[in-house]
C-alpha atoms as a PDB file:
ATOM      1  CA  MET A   1       0.000   0.000   0.000  1.00  0.00           C
ATOM      2  CA  PRO A   2       1.521   3.358  -1.004  1.00  0.00           C
ATOM      3  CA  HIS A   3       2.159   6.204   1.382  1.00  0.00           C
ATOM      4  CA  LYS A   4      -0.249   9.105   1.210  1.00  0.00           C
ATOM      5  CA  VAL A   5       1.335  12.502   0.650  1.00  0.00           C
ATOM      6  CA  PHE A   6      -0.438  15.733   1.483  1.00  0.00           C
ATOM      7  CA  ILE A   7       0.846  19.141   0.449  1.00  0.00           C
ATOM      8  CA  ARG A   8       0.410  21.742   3.167  1.00  0.00           C
ATOM      9  CA  HIS A   9       0.599  25.371   2.147  1.00  0.00           C
ATOM     10  CA  THR A  10       2.002  27.597   4.858  1.00  0.00           C
ATOM     11  CA  TYR A  11       1.617  31.318   4.306  1.00  0.00           C
ATOM     12  CA  ILE A  12       3.977  33.707   6.093  1.00  0.00           C
ATOM     13  CA  TYR A  13       2.483  37.115   6.838  1.00  0.00           C
ATOM     14  CA  LYS A  14       4.349  40.237   7.868  1.00  0.00           C
ATOM     15  CA  CYS A  15       2.579  43.146   9.547  1.00  0.00           C
ATOM     16  CA  GLY A  16       2.521  46.332   7.474  1.00  0.00           C
ATOM     17  CA  GLU A  17       2.590  48.583  10.533  1.00  0.00           C
ATOM     18  CA  GLN A  18       6.027  50.249  10.788  1.00  0.00           C
ATOM     19  CA  ALA A  19       6.058  50.065  14.595  1.00  0.00           C
ATOM     20  CA  CYS A  20       5.240  46.326  14.603  1.00  0.00           C
ATOM     21  CA  SER A  21       6.514  44.526  11.440  1.00  0.00           C
ATOM     22  CA  GLU A  22       6.184  41.095  13.146  1.00  0.00           C
ATOM     23  CA  GLU A  23       5.746  37.856  11.174  1.00  0.00           C
ATOM     24  CA  TRP A  24       3.400  34.896  11.720  1.00  0.00           C
ATOM     25  CA  LYS A  25       2.322  31.784   9.793  1.00  0.00           C
ATOM     26  CA  ILE A  26      -1.109  30.474   8.795  1.00  0.00           C
ATOM     27  CA  ASN A  27      -1.659  27.034   7.240  1.00  0.00           C
ATOM     28  CA  GLU A  28      -4.084  26.605   4.338  1.00  0.00           C
ATOM     29  CA  ALA A  29      -5.216  30.234   4.311  1.00  0.00           C
ATOM     30  CA  ASP A  30      -5.688  30.883   0.624  1.00  0.00           C
ATOM     31  CA  LYS A  31      -7.220  34.037  -0.857  1.00  0.00           C
ATOM     32  CA  ILE A  32      -7.554  36.128   2.316  1.00  0.00           C
ATOM     33  CA  GLU A  33      -8.346  39.768   1.536  1.00  0.00           C
ATOM     34  CA  LYS A  34      -8.002  41.333   4.997  1.00  0.00           C
ATOM     35  CA  LEU A  35      -6.154  40.107   8.062  1.00  0.00           C
ATOM     36  CA  ARG A  36      -5.627  41.219  11.667  1.00  0.00           C
ATOM     37  CA  CYS A  37      -2.100  41.127  13.118  1.00  0.00           C
ATOM     38  CA  PRO A  38      -2.040  38.973  16.294  1.00  0.00           C
ATOM     39  CA  HIS A  39       0.788  41.109  17.725  1.00  0.00           C
ATOM     40  CA  CYS A  40      -0.491  44.680  17.421  1.00  0.00           C
ATOM     41  CA  GLY A  41      -4.121  44.232  16.264  1.00  0.00           C
ATOM     42  CA  ASN A  42      -3.659  46.163  12.999  1.00  0.00           C
ATOM     43  CA  TYR A  43      -6.402  45.217  10.477  1.00  0.00           C
ATOM     44  CA  ASP A  44      -5.206  45.664   6.903  1.00  0.00           C
ATOM     45  CA  VAL A  45      -5.406  44.277   3.358  1.00  0.00           C
ATOM     46  CA  VAL A  46      -3.145  41.417   2.231  1.00  0.00           C
ATOM     47  CA  LYS A  47      -0.612  41.813  -0.596  1.00  0.00           C
ATOM     48  CA  TYR A  48       0.658  38.471  -1.927  1.00  0.00           C
ATOM     49  CA  VAL A  49       4.287  38.292  -3.093  1.00  0.00           C
ATOM     50  CA  ASP A  50       4.497  35.763  -5.932  1.00  0.00           C
ATOM     51  CA  THR A  51       8.248  35.372  -6.361  1.00  0.00           C
ATOM     52  CA  ASP A  52      10.011  32.041  -6.661  1.00  0.00           C
ATOM     53  CA  GLN A  53      12.081  31.677  -3.485  1.00  0.00           C
ATOM     54  CA  ARG A  54      13.594  28.267  -4.266  1.00  0.00           C
ATOM     55  CA  THR A  55      16.973  29.707  -5.275  1.00  0.00           C
ATOM     56  CA  LYS A  56      17.249  31.432  -1.904  1.00  0.00           C
ATOM     57  CA  TYR A  57      16.032  28.612   0.368  1.00  0.00           C
ATOM     58  CA  ASN A  58      17.170  25.459  -1.450  1.00  0.00           C
ATOM     59  CA  ARG A  59      20.841  26.426  -0.995  1.00  0.00           C
ATOM     60  CA  LYS A  60      20.959  25.945   2.795  1.00  0.00           C
ATOM     61  CA  GLY A  61      24.163  24.317   3.907  1.00  0.00           C
ATOM     62  CA  ILE A  62      26.053  25.029   0.696  1.00  0.00           C
ATOM     63  CA  GLY A  63      29.160  27.101   1.283  1.00  0.00           C
ATOM     64  CA  LEU A  64      29.876  29.154  -1.808  1.00  0.00           C
END
């Protein structure tokens, strides 16, 4: 019997408030338009950054 594989999407959010700018993660939270920061309570719109980050994060442990 094969193993079942599930893909979990983790979204990393960063607060837009200059005084706060904290980060937090939410799993499976696709297409959110507005979000409240759990650190400062700021309620703002969400801007998704659609850049491929594999070149930055797949190189861990490689000394160049």
